[in-house]
């Protein structure tokens, strides 16, 4: 995605009022997770200052050197999870070698503006969470240059159905599946989480006898409202839908996760940098506020002075993982006999 223009001052003020409630609210005792989390490193006034610090080597960036495959983890690459005609949908699976009881499953959806393949990108996360006792899938899905909305949503839903259909084979508890995404992948994760009732978004890639419902969702800086000013005209959004907003406003509305939020939505964890120049932080502000009003368990870590993809920096990722671990411990608890509670980045 490309950067967006600054919001009008009045709108920024309104968003600021909303986020006071949204960012602080966690539902029940979830807010205590934020209080106990490692502090966020000092942020920056703008993206240019942050980028300058990164270019100067001030921060360590997560890469292949951080991927640690534990002895008790099995990795299976390029498993077919769905098929549309001759098009094969693939995922990589990371799972504990041995489990005594079924464990939760996690489906990870990569970002890239709906136009870049990259399931390998999630190896750091999937290896880590397999070591904690989860069965983890990182998926490919149809890119916007291959098929337009709702193709990618259908594929992500198919991956959840695949995991549920193969629960017995891989030791997954079919009643305990979560979905996690970054950027465009976060948008898809939220669409999966909030639309289990929309049959016209299920697609026909396979496992139609299974439900795509998930029990928890995590979004890192995902777009939530494609109709909003500053989002609907982004090139990546236009390519994802396949038409400009004025020609297909209904499609933009339907492709917006916030449209589908109800009181039955699964517990939601949101991360977003407050100076995000790619996906406006107001997108997560609005979603958190709506979840709060509906009484849906929601934890929102709004990170001042940080931009898009801030979690790729080790110092920020440490905080994200602490929060995410405890959110999952609450709603999708792993088998304590398989992994261990926390494995922070050193």
Protein backbone atom coordinates (compact mmCIF):
# COMPACT_ATOMS: atom_id res chain seq x y z
CA UNK A 1 0.00 0.00 0.00
CA UNK A 2 1.02 3.60 -0.39
CA UNK A 3 1.07 6.37 2.17
CA UNK A 4 -2.10 8.36 2.83
CA UNK A 5 -2.60 12.08 3.35
CA UNK A 6 -3.06 13.49 6.82
CA UNK A 7 -6.61 13.58 8.10
CA UNK A 8 -8.43 16.89 8.55
CA UNK A 9 -7.77 18.30 12.01
CA UNK A 10 -11.39 17.90 13.15
CA UNK A 11 -11.46 14.24 12.24
CA UNK A 12 -8.15 13.60 13.96
CA UNK A 13 -9.62 15.18 17.08
CA UNK A 14 -12.69 12.94 16.95
CA UNK A 15 -10.55 9.85 16.49
CA UNK A 16 -8.43 10.90 19.44
CA UNK A 17 -11.52 11.03 21.64
CA UNK A 18 -12.62 7.59 20.51
CA UNK A 19 -9.26 5.94 20.99
CA UNK A 20 -9.03 7.07 24.62
CA UNK A 21 -11.82 4.62 25.37
CA UNK A 22 -10.79 2.01 22.81
CA UNK A 23 -7.10 1.76 23.61
CA UNK A 24 -7.58 1.54 27.35
CA UNK A 25 -10.42 -0.95 27.28
CA UNK A 26 -9.65 -4.64 27.29
CA UNK A 27 -12.86 -6.24 28.48
CA UNK A 28 -12.94 -8.11 31.78
CA UNK A 29 -9.33 -8.22 32.99
CA UNK A 30 -7.65 -8.11 29.56
CA UNK A 31 -6.40 -4.60 30.18
CA UNK A 32 -4.04 -5.99 32.82
CA UNK A 33 -2.10 -7.67 30.02
CA UNK A 34 -1.07 -4.28 28.65
CA UNK A 35 -0.15 -3.05 32.09
CA UNK A 36 2.27 -5.95 32.57
CA UNK A 37 3.77 -5.89 29.08
CA UNK A 38 7.37 -4.84 28.38
CA UNK A 39 7.44 -1.09 27.67
CA UNK A 40 7.26 0.08 24.10
CA UNK A 41 10.50 1.71 22.95
CA UNK A 42 10.33 5.48 22.56
CA UNK A 43 8.54 6.29 19.30
CA UNK A 44 9.14 8.98 16.69
CA UNK A 45 7.41 12.17 15.62
CA UNK A 46 7.19 11.00 12.03
CA UNK A 47 7.97 8.19 9.61
CA UNK A 48 11.07 9.89 8.20
CA UNK A 49 12.71 10.07 11.61
CA UNK A 50 11.89 6.43 12.29
CA UNK A 51 13.21 5.28 8.92
CA UNK A 52 16.42 7.23 9.49
CA UNK A 53 16.94 5.41 12.80
CA UNK A 54 16.31 2.02 11.18
CA UNK A 55 18.70 2.82 8.31
CA UNK A 56 21.34 3.82 10.86
CA UNK A 57 21.13 0.33 12.39
CA UNK A 58 19.58 1.40 15.67
CA UNK A 59 17.16 -1.54 15.62
CA UNK A 60 17.60 -5.23 14.95
CA UNK A 61 15.16 -6.50 12.32
CA UNK A 62 13.67 -9.98 12.59
CA UNK A 63 14.91 -12.29 9.87
CA UNK A 64 15.67 -15.94 9.10
CA UNK A 65 18.37 -15.95 11.79
CA UNK A 66 15.63 -15.65 14.41
CA UNK A 67 13.72 -18.75 13.25
CA UNK A 68 14.31 -21.54 15.77
CA UNK A 69 12.83 -24.95 14.97
CA UNK A 70 12.66 -26.91 18.22
CA UNK A 71 13.54 -30.62 18.26
CA UNK A 72 9.94 -31.38 19.14
CA UNK A 73 8.52 -29.52 16.12
CA UNK A 74 7.55 -31.12 12.82
CA UNK A 75 7.57 -28.94 9.68
CA UNK A 76 5.63 -29.97 6.57
CA UNK A 77 5.89 -27.74 3.50
CA UNK A 78 3.47 -27.11 0.64
CA UNK A 79 0.47 -29.08 1.83
CA UNK A 80 -2.55 -28.70 -0.43
CA UNK A 81 -5.43 -27.22 1.55
CA UNK A 82 -7.76 -26.34 -1.29
CA UNK A 83 -8.19 -26.33 -5.04
CA UNK A 84 -10.10 -24.10 -7.46
CA UNK A 85 -10.06 -25.81 -10.83
CA UNK A 86 -6.36 -26.30 -11.57
CA UNK A 87 -5.27 -23.73 -8.99
CA UNK A 88 -3.78 -25.38 -5.91
CA UNK A 89 -3.77 -23.60 -2.55
CA UNK A 90 -0.77 -24.44 -0.36
CA UNK A 91 0.21 -24.06 3.27
CA UNK A 92 3.17 -24.90 5.48
CA UNK A 93 2.42 -26.66 8.75
CA UNK A 94 4.40 -26.39 11.97
CA UNK A 95 3.24 -28.68 14.76
CA UNK A 96 4.36 -30.39 17.95
CA UNK A 97 5.76 -33.84 17.22
CA UNK A 98 3.73 -35.37 20.02
CA UNK A 99 0.58 -34.25 21.83
CA UNK A 100 -1.39 -36.19 24.41
CA UNK A 101 -4.58 -34.22 23.95
CA UNK A 102 -5.86 -32.09 21.03
CA UNK A 103 -4.29 -28.62 20.99
CA UNK A 104 -5.43 -25.30 19.52
CA UNK A 105 -4.74 -24.48 15.88
CA UNK A 106 -3.55 -21.16 14.47
CA UNK A 107 -3.85 -20.02 10.85
CA UNK A 108 -1.39 -17.26 9.88
CA UNK A 109 -2.13 -15.00 6.89
CA UNK A 110 0.75 -12.96 5.46
CA UNK A 111 0.54 -9.39 4.19
CA UNK A 112 1.82 -7.65 1.09
CA UNK A 113 -1.07 -5.54 -0.16
CA UNK A 114 -2.97 -8.66 -1.32
CA UNK A 115 -0.43 -8.81 -4.15
CA UNK A 116 2.71 -10.51 -2.84
CA UNK A 117 3.10 -14.19 -2.02
CA UNK A 118 5.00 -14.96 1.15
CA UNK A 119 3.88 -17.75 3.46
CA UNK A 120 7.54 -18.35 4.37
CA UNK A 121 7.56 -14.94 6.01
CA UNK A 122 5.62 -16.35 8.94
CA UNK A 123 8.18 -19.08 9.75
CA UNK A 124 9.40 -17.12 12.78
CA UNK A 125 5.92 -17.02 14.28
CA UNK A 126 4.81 -20.52 13.31
CA UNK A 127 7.99 -22.13 14.63
CA UNK A 128 7.61 -20.23 17.87
CA UNK A 129 3.98 -21.11 18.43
CA UNK A 130 4.45 -24.75 17.48
CA UNK A 131 7.06 -24.79 20.23
CA UNK A 132 4.43 -23.37 22.60
CA UNK A 133 2.05 -26.21 21.80
CA UNK A 134 -0.04 -25.00 18.84
CA UNK A 135 -0.56 -26.54 15.41
CA UNK A 136 0.27 -23.66 13.06
CA UNK A 137 -0.45 -23.17 9.37
CA UNK A 138 0.97 -20.33 7.26
CA UNK A 139 -0.97 -20.05 4.03
CA UNK A 140 -0.77 -18.77 0.50
CA UNK A 141 -3.91 -17.33 -1.07
CA UNK A 142 -4.86 -15.96 -4.46
CA UNK A 143 -3.29 -12.58 -5.13
CA UNK A 144 -5.27 -9.60 -6.39
CA UNK A 145 -3.57 -9.94 -9.77
CA UNK A 146 -4.81 -13.55 -9.95
CA UNK A 147 -8.38 -13.13 -8.71
CA UNK A 148 -10.39 -10.27 -7.23
CA UNK A 149 -12.40 -10.06 -4.02
CA UNK A 150 -13.73 -12.25 -2.51
CA UNK A 151 -11.14 -14.81 -3.72
CA UNK A 152 -8.54 -14.19 -0.99
CA UNK A 153 -11.21 -14.19 1.72
CA UNK A 154 -12.57 -17.48 0.41
CA UNK A 155 -9.07 -19.00 0.48
CA UNK A 156 -8.40 -17.94 4.07
CA UNK A 157 -11.74 -19.41 5.11
CA UNK A 158 -10.89 -22.62 3.28
CA UNK A 159 -7.66 -22.89 5.30
CA UNK A 160 -9.67 -22.81 8.53
CA UNK A 161 -12.04 -25.45 7.18
CA UNK A 162 -9.04 -27.57 6.13
CA UNK A 163 -7.58 -27.40 9.62
CA UNK A 164 -10.91 -28.43 11.12
CA UNK A 165 -11.31 -31.27 8.58
CA UNK A 166 -7.82 -32.56 9.43
CA UNK A 167 -8.06 -31.98 13.17
CA UNK A 168 -7.81 -35.64 14.12
CA UNK A 169 -4.83 -36.21 11.81
CA UNK A 170 -2.75 -33.39 13.26
CA UNK A 171 -3.98 -33.32 16.85
CA UNK A 172 -5.97 -30.09 16.59
CA UNK A 173 -8.92 -29.27 18.80
CA UNK A 174 -11.54 -28.32 16.15
CA UNK A 175 -13.31 -26.10 18.68
CA UNK A 176 -10.16 -24.03 19.30
CA UNK A 177 -8.88 -22.36 16.13
CA UNK A 178 -7.58 -18.82 15.79
CA UNK A 179 -6.47 -16.68 12.85
CA UNK A 180 -3.60 -14.15 12.86
CA UNK A 181 -2.64 -11.71 10.12
CA UNK A 182 -0.34 -8.83 9.25
CA UNK A 183 -1.49 -5.86 7.14
CA UNK A 184 -3.45 -7.25 4.15
CA UNK A 185 -3.34 -10.60 5.92
CA UNK A 186 -4.85 -8.95 8.99
CA UNK A 187 -7.71 -7.66 6.86
CA UNK A 188 -8.32 -11.21 5.64
CA UNK A 189 -8.07 -12.59 9.17
CA UNK A 190 -10.70 -10.13 10.37
CA UNK A 191 -12.95 -10.99 7.44
CA UNK A 192 -12.69 -14.68 8.35
CA UNK A 193 -13.43 -13.93 11.99
CA UNK A 194 -16.47 -11.74 11.43
CA UNK A 195 -18.24 -13.49 8.53
CA UNK A 196 -18.80 -17.18 9.41
CA UNK A 197 -22.48 -16.67 8.59
CA UNK A 198 -21.94 -15.38 5.03
CA UNK A 199 -22.11 -18.43 2.80
CA UNK A 200 -21.35 -16.41 -0.33
CA UNK A 201 -17.85 -15.75 1.04
CA UNK A 202 -17.03 -19.41 1.70
CA UNK A 203 -15.99 -20.27 -1.86
CA UNK A 204 -15.76 -23.77 -3.30
CA UNK A 205 -12.11 -24.74 -2.76
CA UNK A 206 -13.01 -27.68 -0.53
CA UNK A 207 -14.11 -28.95 2.89
CA UNK A 208 -17.59 -27.50 2.52
CA UNK A 209 -18.84 -29.71 5.34
CA UNK A 210 -16.68 -27.82 7.85
CA UNK A 211 -17.22 -24.45 9.54
CA UNK A 212 -14.87 -21.49 8.98
CA UNK A 213 -15.72 -20.02 12.38
CA UNK A 214 -12.73 -19.11 14.56
CA UNK A 215 -12.50 -18.61 18.30
CA UNK A 216 -10.00 -15.72 18.33
CA UNK A 217 -8.42 -13.26 15.87
CA UNK A 218 -5.28 -11.12 15.94
CA UNK A 219 -4.80 -8.15 13.61
CA UNK A 220 -1.55 -6.30 13.08
CA UNK A 221 -2.32 -2.94 11.43
CA UNK A 222 -5.05 -4.33 9.21
CA UNK A 223 -7.51 -2.27 7.15
CA UNK A 224 -10.98 -2.53 8.66
CA UNK A 225 -13.06 -0.09 6.58
CA UNK A 226 -12.31 0.01 2.86
CA UNK A 227 -15.00 2.64 2.34
CA UNK A 228 -13.20 5.22 4.51
CA UNK A 229 -11.51 8.30 3.09
CA UNK A 230 -7.81 7.73 2.63
CA UNK A 231 -8.31 3.98 2.17
CA UNK A 232 -10.80 3.43 -0.62
CA UNK A 233 -8.56 5.23 -3.15
CA UNK A 234 -5.40 3.30 -2.34
CA UNK A 235 -4.04 1.46 -5.37
CA UNK A 236 -3.76 -1.83 -3.48
CA UNK A 237 -7.38 -1.62 -2.31
CA UNK A 238 -8.59 -0.79 -5.81
CA UNK A 239 -6.67 -3.75 -7.23
CA UNK A 240 -8.02 -6.03 -4.49
CA UNK A 241 -11.63 -5.14 -5.35
CA UNK A 242 -11.02 -4.84 -9.08
CA UNK A 243 -13.01 -1.61 -9.53
CA UNK A 244 -12.90 1.96 -8.31
CA UNK A 245 -15.10 2.81 -5.35
CA UNK A 246 -17.59 4.86 -7.34
CA UNK A 247 -18.29 1.85 -9.54
CA UNK A 248 -18.61 -0.77 -6.79
CA UNK A 249 -19.38 0.85 -3.40
CA UNK A 250 -21.26 -2.28 -2.31
CA UNK A 251 -18.18 -4.43 -2.85
CA UNK A 252 -16.01 -2.08 -0.79
CA UNK A 253 -18.59 -2.20 1.99
CA UNK A 254 -18.85 -5.97 1.86
CA UNK A 255 -15.05 -6.31 1.90
CA UNK A 256 -14.80 -4.20 5.09
CA UNK A 257 -14.49 -6.24 8.32
CA UNK A 258 -16.10 -3.49 10.39
CA UNK A 259 -19.29 -3.92 8.36
CA UNK A 260 -19.76 -7.43 9.71
CA UNK A 261 -18.89 -7.01 13.39
CA UNK A 262 -21.61 -8.26 15.74
CA UNK A 263 -21.89 -9.10 19.43
CA UNK A 264 -21.05 -12.69 18.45
CA UNK A 265 -17.62 -11.74 17.07
CA UNK A 266 -14.68 -13.69 18.52
CA UNK A 267 -12.23 -12.14 20.99
CA UNK A 268 -10.02 -9.71 19.07
CA UNK A 269 -6.45 -8.49 19.60
CA UNK A 270 -5.35 -5.39 17.68
CA UNK A 271 -1.90 -3.86 17.18
CA UNK A 272 -1.40 -0.60 15.29
CA UNK A 273 1.29 2.07 15.10
CA UNK A 274 -0.08 5.55 15.66
CA UNK A 275 1.99 7.11 12.83
CA UNK A 276 1.19 4.35 10.34
CA UNK A 277 1.58 5.90 6.88
CA UNK A 278 0.21 2.85 5.07
CA UNK A 279 -2.98 1.91 6.91
CA UNK A 280 -4.33 4.80 9.01
CA UNK A 281 -4.46 4.01 12.73
CA UNK A 282 -8.03 5.34 12.67
CA UNK A 283 -8.94 2.00 11.06
CA UNK A 284 -8.12 0.06 14.23
CA UNK A 285 -9.43 2.89 16.43
CA UNK A 286 -12.86 2.55 14.84
CA UNK A 287 -12.92 -1.24 15.04
CA UNK A 288 -11.85 -1.27 18.69
CA UNK A 289 -14.54 1.25 19.53
CA UNK A 290 -17.24 -0.78 17.79
CA UNK A 291 -16.15 -3.99 19.52
CA UNK A 292 -16.22 -2.16 22.84
CA UNK A 293 -19.74 -0.87 22.25
CA UNK A 294 -20.94 -4.38 21.38
CA UNK A 295 -19.28 -5.96 24.41
CA UNK A 296 -16.91 -8.16 22.39
CA UNK A 297 -13.66 -9.01 24.26
CA UNK A 298 -11.03 -6.80 22.67
CA UNK A 299 -7.47 -5.88 23.53
CA UNK A 300 -5.94 -2.97 21.61
CA UNK A 301 -2.28 -1.99 21.76
CA UNK A 302 -2.09 1.39 20.02
CA UNK A 303 1.62 2.16 19.69
CA UNK A 304 2.52 5.87 19.66
CA UNK A 305 5.38 6.93 17.42
CA UNK A 306 5.52 3.69 15.42
CA UNK A 307 4.77 2.98 11.77
CA UNK A 308 3.46 0.07 9.73
CA UNK A 309 5.23 -3.28 10.32
CA UNK A 310 6.71 -2.05 13.62
CA UNK A 311 6.56 -5.64 14.93
CA UNK A 312 9.45 -6.60 12.64
CA UNK A 313 11.80 -4.74 14.97
CA UNK A 314 13.02 -6.98 17.79
CA UNK A 315 12.50 -4.34 20.47
CA UNK A 316 8.86 -3.81 19.48
CA UNK A 317 8.22 -7.46 18.72
CA UNK A 318 9.13 -8.38 22.28
CA UNK A 319 6.17 -6.38 23.55
CA UNK A 320 3.83 -7.71 20.83
CA UNK A 321 4.67 -11.32 21.63
CA UNK A 322 4.19 -10.82 25.35
CA UNK A 323 0.70 -9.42 24.73
CA UNK A 324 -0.19 -11.97 22.07
CA UNK A 325 1.00 -14.90 24.18
CA UNK A 326 -1.23 -13.92 27.05
CA UNK A 327 -4.19 -13.14 24.85
CA UNK A 328 -3.92 -16.63 23.34
CA UNK A 329 -3.36 -18.16 26.77
CA UNK A 330 -6.71 -16.67 27.73
CA UNK A 331 -8.80 -17.66 24.72
CA UNK A 332 -6.86 -20.51 23.05
CA UNK A 333 -4.74 -21.97 25.87
CA UNK A 334 -2.04 -24.41 24.74
CA UNK A 335 -1.32 -27.71 26.45
CA UNK A 336 1.13 -26.77 29.24
CA UNK A 337 2.79 -30.16 28.83
CA UNK A 338 3.82 -29.40 25.25
CA UNK A 339 5.49 -26.00 25.22
CA UNK A 340 6.37 -23.30 27.67
CA UNK A 341 4.63 -20.08 28.59
CA UNK A 342 6.83 -17.51 26.93
CA UNK A 343 9.85 -17.40 24.64
CA UNK A 344 10.88 -13.76 24.24
CA UNK A 345 13.23 -12.67 21.48
CA UNK A 346 16.73 -12.14 22.85
